[in-house]
Amino acid sequence: MCKGLQQGSTTSSCLKQGVSLSPNANPRVSTRLVKCELCNSRATLYCQADDAYLCRKCDKWVHGANFLAQRHIRCFLCNTCQNLTQRYLIGASHEVLLPT
């Protein structure tokens, strides 16, 4: 899983998939912020079936709508770099950690 940027280091597993840092930027804060596609707040989950980034509030609203939507597997985003992690949400509240 992503462990975020190490203090004083500009290289980490977080710096991938297009996250770019400007030379003068604080290395702990990435310039990429993934927003929820419904309310424009910070996204915490990605649903591949819907191809959508969602915050927890919108995720509960969308995936609580019916039993088919509840079956979607959603991937958590890293709190530091906002890349996809190996933590998944299935149904309303079943969090799963998949092996690498």
Protein backbone atom coordinates (compact mmCIF):
# COMPACT_ATOMS: atom_id res chain seq x y z
CA MET A 1 0.00 0.00 0.00
CA CYS A 2 1.01 3.57 -0.46
CA LYS A 3 2.80 4.95 2.56
CA GLY A 4 2.94 8.56 1.39
CA LEU A 5 6.00 10.66 0.92
CA GLN A 6 8.84 10.14 3.38
CA GLN A 7 10.01 13.28 5.14
CA GLY A 8 12.78 14.96 3.16
CA SER A 9 12.44 12.62 0.21
CA THR A 10 10.89 13.39 -3.15
CA THR A 11 10.75 9.79 -4.32
CA SER A 12 8.16 7.34 -3.06
CA SER A 13 5.63 4.83 -4.25
CA CYS A 14 3.15 7.72 -4.22
CA LEU A 15 4.81 9.47 -7.12
CA LYS A 16 3.27 7.48 -9.94
CA GLN A 17 0.33 7.61 -12.33
CA GLY A 18 0.81 11.25 -13.24
CA VAL A 19 1.19 12.85 -9.84
CA SER A 20 3.52 15.75 -10.46
CA LEU A 21 5.21 18.03 -8.00
CA SER A 22 6.56 21.41 -8.92
CA PRO A 23 10.18 22.04 -7.88
CA ASN A 24 9.13 24.71 -5.35
CA ALA A 25 6.18 22.77 -3.94
CA ASN A 26 6.03 21.12 -0.56
CA PRO A 27 6.86 17.43 -1.25
CA ARG A 28 4.15 16.29 1.19
CA VAL A 29 1.36 17.87 -0.86
CA SER A 30 0.70 16.70 -4.41
CA THR A 31 -0.68 19.08 -6.99
CA ARG A 32 -3.26 16.53 -8.11
CA LEU A 33 -6.56 16.41 -6.26
CA VAL A 34 -9.17 13.91 -7.37
CA LYS A 35 -12.66 15.29 -6.85
CA CYS A 36 -15.99 13.54 -6.40
CA GLU A 37 -17.85 13.51 -9.69
CA LEU A 38 -21.16 14.36 -8.03
CA CYS A 39 -20.40 17.00 -5.41
CA ASN A 40 -16.83 18.13 -6.26
CA SER A 41 -15.49 17.40 -2.75
CA ARG A 42 -12.34 15.28 -2.28
CA ALA A 43 -12.86 11.75 -3.63
CA THR A 44 -12.05 8.75 -1.43
CA LEU A 45 -13.23 5.85 -3.62
CA TYR A 46 -13.12 4.76 -7.26
CA CYS A 47 -15.85 2.56 -8.75
CA GLN A 48 -14.65 0.80 -11.89
CA ALA A 49 -18.14 -0.36 -12.84
CA ASP A 50 -19.36 3.24 -12.90
CA ASP A 51 -15.95 4.66 -13.91
CA ALA A 52 -16.44 7.29 -11.22
CA TYR A 53 -14.50 8.83 -8.35
CA LEU A 54 -16.76 9.42 -5.34
CA CYS A 55 -16.62 10.76 -1.80
CA ARG A 56 -18.00 8.53 0.98
CA LYS A 57 -21.28 10.45 1.21
CA CYS A 58 -22.02 10.15 -2.52
CA ASP A 59 -20.80 6.54 -2.56
CA LYS A 60 -23.38 5.61 0.08
CA TRP A 61 -26.09 7.39 -1.90
CA VAL A 62 -25.16 5.84 -5.27
CA HIS A 63 -24.33 2.32 -4.13
CA GLY A 64 -27.15 2.11 -1.62
CA ALA A 65 -29.73 2.66 -4.37
CA ASN A 66 -30.35 -1.02 -5.20
CA PHE A 67 -28.93 -4.50 -4.80
CA LEU A 68 -27.10 -4.40 -8.17
CA ALA A 69 -25.23 -1.20 -7.29
CA GLN A 70 -24.35 -2.64 -3.86
CA ARG A 71 -22.42 -5.41 -5.62
CA HIS A 72 -19.95 -2.95 -7.18
CA ILE A 73 -16.40 -3.25 -5.89
CA ARG A 74 -14.91 0.15 -5.11
CA CYS A 75 -11.23 0.91 -4.57
CA PHE A 76 -10.05 3.28 -1.85
CA LEU A 77 -7.77 6.16 -2.81
CA CYS A 78 -4.60 6.91 -0.85
CA ASN A 79 -5.10 9.84 1.54
CA THR A 80 -1.66 11.23 0.64
CA CYS A 81 -1.30 10.91 -3.12
CA GLN A 82 -4.84 9.95 -4.19
CA ASN A 83 -3.64 6.94 -6.21
CA LEU A 84 -5.58 3.67 -6.10
CA THR A 85 -4.70 1.39 -3.18
CA GLN A 86 -5.23 -2.32 -2.55
CA ARG A 87 -8.09 -1.67 -0.13
CA TYR A 88 -11.55 -2.30 -1.54
CA LEU A 89 -15.11 -1.73 -0.44
CA ILE A 90 -17.72 -4.33 -1.34
CA GLY A 91 -21.38 -3.72 -0.60
CA ALA A 92 -22.27 -1.18 2.06
CA SER A 93 -19.57 -1.80 4.65
CA HIS A 94 -17.30 -4.77 3.86
CA GLU A 95 -13.72 -3.54 3.51
CA VAL A 96 -11.29 -6.05 1.97
CA LEU A 97 -7.51 -6.02 1.65
CA LEU A 98 -6.34 -7.96 -1.41
CA PRO A 99 -2.89 -9.60 -1.58
CA THR A 100 -0.34 -8.31 -4.08
